[in-house]
C-alpha atoms as a PDB file:
ATOM      1  CA  MET A   1      10.215  20.992  -3.720  1.00  0.00           C
ATOM      2  CA  LYS A   2       6.810  23.290  -2.846  1.00  0.00           C
ATOM      3  CA  PHE A   3       3.215  21.310  -3.603  1.00  0.00           C
ATOM      4  CA  GLU A   4      -0.174  23.426  -3.580  1.00  0.00           C
ATOM      5  CA  TRP A   5      -3.802  22.141  -3.543  1.00  0.00           C
ATOM      6  CA  ASP A   6      -7.368  22.910  -2.680  1.00  0.00           C
ATOM      7  CA  GLU A   7      -8.022  22.126   0.505  1.00  0.00           C
ATOM      8  CA  ILE A   8     -12.284  21.633  -0.293  1.00  0.00           C
ATOM      9  CA  LYS A   9     -10.721  19.725  -2.936  1.00  0.00           C
ATOM     10  CA  ARG A  10      -7.809  18.015  -0.447  1.00  0.00           C
ATOM     11  CA  ALA A  11     -11.049  17.220   2.589  1.00  0.00           C
ATOM     12  CA  GLU A  12     -12.689  15.242  -0.349  1.00  0.00           C
ATOM     13  CA  THR A  13     -10.465  12.801  -1.373  1.00  0.00           C
ATOM     14  CA  LEU A  14      -8.698  12.163   2.649  1.00  0.00           C
ATOM     15  CA  LYS A  15     -13.159  11.323   3.100  1.00  0.00           C
ATOM     16  CA  LEU A  16     -13.934   9.424   0.219  1.00  0.00           C
ATOM     17  CA  ARG A  17     -10.442   7.447  -0.933  1.00  0.00           C
ATOM     18  CA  ARG A  18      -8.437   8.161   2.614  1.00  0.00           C
ATOM     19  CA  LEU A  19      -5.190   9.931   1.024  1.00  0.00           C
ATOM     20  CA  ASP A  20      -3.800  13.229   2.130  1.00  0.00           C
ATOM     21  CA  PHE A  21      -2.704  15.542  -0.456  1.00  0.00           C
ATOM     22  CA  ALA A  22       0.107  16.682   2.170  1.00  0.00           C
ATOM     23  CA  ASP A  23       1.873  12.959   0.990  1.00  0.00           C
ATOM     24  CA  ALA A  24       2.757  13.852  -2.719  1.00  0.00           C
ATOM     25  CA  ASP A  25       6.412  13.832  -1.891  1.00  0.00           C
ATOM     26  CA  LEU A  26       6.787  10.372  -1.690  1.00  0.00           C
ATOM     27  CA  PHE A  27       5.554  10.711  -5.114  1.00  0.00           C
ATOM     28  CA  PHE A  28       9.265  12.866  -5.897  1.00  0.00           C
ATOM     29  CA  ASP A  29      11.426  10.521  -3.357  1.00  0.00           C
ATOM     30  CA  GLY A  30      13.225   8.600  -5.778  1.00  0.00           C
ATOM     31  CA  ARG A  31      11.335   5.822  -5.740  1.00  0.00           C
ATOM     32  CA  PRO A  32      10.563   4.089  -8.885  1.00  0.00           C
ATOM     33  CA  VAL A  33       8.037   6.152 -10.729  1.00  0.00           C
ATOM     34  CA  VAL A  34       6.229   6.702 -14.460  1.00  0.00           C
ATOM     35  CA  HIS A  35       5.575   9.969 -16.256  1.00  0.00           C
ATOM     36  CA  ILE A  36       2.614   9.792 -18.064  1.00  0.00           C
ATOM     37  CA  PRO A  37       1.113  13.665 -19.937  1.00  0.00           C
ATOM     38  CA  SER A  38      -1.872  13.688 -19.161  1.00  0.00           C
ATOM     39  CA  ILE A  39      -3.501  16.940 -21.179  1.00  0.00           C
ATOM     40  CA  ARG A  40      -6.958  18.413 -20.410  1.00  0.00           C
ATOM     41  CA  GLY A  41      -8.180  21.617 -21.442  1.00  0.00           C
ATOM     42  CA  GLY A  42      -5.328  22.743 -22.628  1.00  0.00           C
ATOM     43  CA  GLU A  43      -3.583  22.689 -19.681  1.00  0.00           C
ATOM     44  CA  GLU A  44      -0.138  20.581 -19.254  1.00  0.00           C
ATOM     45  CA  ARG A  45      -0.906  17.432 -16.550  1.00  0.00           C
ATOM     46  CA  TRP A  46       0.569  14.825 -15.245  1.00  0.00           C
ATOM     47  CA  LYS A  47       0.375  11.370 -14.530  1.00  0.00           C
ATOM     48  CA  THR A  48       2.794  10.319 -11.774  1.00  0.00           C
ATOM     49  CA  VAL A  49       2.025   6.184 -10.947  1.00  0.00           C
ATOM     50  CA  ALA A  50       3.855   5.178  -7.744  1.00  0.00           C
ATOM     51  CA  ARG A  51       3.942   2.348  -5.430  1.00  0.00           C
ATOM     52  CA  ILE A  52       4.004   3.039  -1.718  1.00  0.00           C
ATOM     53  CA  GLU A  53       3.893   0.672   0.438  1.00  0.00           C
ATOM     54  CA  GLY A  54       2.787  -2.175  -1.714  1.00  0.00           C
ATOM     55  CA  ALA A  55       0.210  -0.400  -3.329  1.00  0.00           C
ATOM     56  CA  PHE A  56       0.941   1.263  -6.756  1.00  0.00           C
ATOM     57  CA  PHE A  57      -0.715   4.689  -6.185  1.00  0.00           C
ATOM     58  CA  THR A  58      -1.421   7.771  -9.060  1.00  0.00           C
ATOM     59  CA  LEU A  59      -1.043  11.299  -8.653  1.00  0.00           C
ATOM     60  CA  VAL A  60      -2.449  13.710 -10.884  1.00  0.00           C
ATOM     61  CA  TRP A  61      -0.438  16.954 -10.979  1.00  0.00           C
ATOM     62  CA  THR A  62       0.614  20.276 -13.032  1.00  0.00           C
ATOM     63  CA  TRP A  63       2.905  22.949 -12.675  1.00  0.00           C
ATOM     64  CA  ARG A  64       2.377  26.287 -11.186  1.00  0.00           C
ATOM     65  CA  ALA A  65       5.471  28.733 -11.414  1.00  0.00           C
ATOM     66  CA  ASP A  66       7.625  26.526  -9.068  1.00  0.00           C
ATOM     67  CA  VAL A  67       5.491  24.559  -7.107  1.00  0.00           C
ATOM     68  CA  VAL A  68       3.640  21.601  -8.382  1.00  0.00           C
ATOM     69  CA  ARG A  69      -0.173  22.075  -7.825  1.00  0.00           C
ATOM     70  CA  VAL A  70      -1.867  18.241  -6.427  1.00  0.00           C
ATOM     71  CA  ILE A  71      -5.150  18.527  -8.607  1.00  0.00           C
ATOM     72  CA  SER A  72      -5.268  14.429  -7.171  1.00  0.00           C
ATOM     73  CA  MET A  73      -4.617  11.499  -5.637  1.00  0.00           C
ATOM     74  CA  ARG A  74      -6.563   7.918  -6.111  1.00  0.00           C
ATOM     75  CA  ARG A  75      -5.704   3.915  -6.235  1.00  0.00           C
ATOM     76  CA  ALA A  76      -3.359   3.088  -9.771  1.00  0.00           C
ATOM     77  CA  HIS A  77      -5.581   1.854 -12.752  1.00  0.00           C
ATOM     78  CA  GLU A  78      -4.121  -1.479 -14.096  1.00  0.00           C
ATOM     79  CA  ASP A  79      -3.239   0.094 -17.595  1.00  0.00           C
ATOM     80  CA  GLU A  80      -1.354   3.124 -14.993  1.00  0.00           C
ATOM     81  CA  GLU A  81       0.269   0.127 -12.581  1.00  0.00           C
ATOM     82  CA  ARG A  82       0.792  -2.167 -16.015  1.00  0.00           C
ATOM     83  CA  ALA A  83       2.535   0.967 -17.888  1.00  0.00           C
ATOM     84  CA  HIS A  84       4.886   1.008 -14.191  1.00  0.00           C
ATOM     85  CA  HIS A  85       6.111  -2.374 -14.583  1.00  0.00           C
ATOM     86  CA  ALA A  86       7.174  -1.982 -18.184  1.00  0.00           C
ATOM     87  CA  HIS A  87       9.716   0.284 -17.384  1.00  0.00           C
ATOM     88  CA  HIS A  88      10.629  -0.088 -14.200  1.00  0.00           C
ATOM     89  CA  GLY A  89       9.961  -4.337 -13.728  1.00  0.00           C
ATOM     90  CA  SER A  90       7.364  -6.273 -10.923  1.00  0.00           C
ATOM     91  CA  GLU A  91       9.664  -6.751  -8.081  1.00  0.00           C
ATOM     92  CA  HIS A  92      11.594  -2.622  -6.957  1.00  0.00           C
ATOM     93  CA  GLU A  93      11.620  -1.347  -4.140  1.00  0.00           C
ATOM     94  CA  GLU A  94      10.909   1.523  -1.824  1.00  0.00           C
ATOM     95  CA  PRO A  95      13.062   3.358  -0.435  1.00  0.00           C
END
C-alpha cells in the first residue's frame, strides 16, 4: 500500500501532536480498526480508528488513484473510540 501527504501538514502534526504521517501504515497492518465514511466538500474521505500502543488514534484519509492520501492524524474522539469498542469489544489484541 502506498501513502502520500502534504509535508508541511506532516511537520505541523509532528510538532503539535507528536504524531507522524509516516506511521499511517499502522492503520492498515491487520489490527482491528473501524472505517467511518466522512464526506467533506464532495470528496469521499475516511476516518480509520485504531488502537496503537494502548491508545486510540484516528487517521483521516482519502483515495487518490491507488494511493492513500493522509489528511490528518490525531487522538480519537470519544465517539470514535466507542464505535471501535462497539465493533471489536473492549478487549482485543494489537498485532
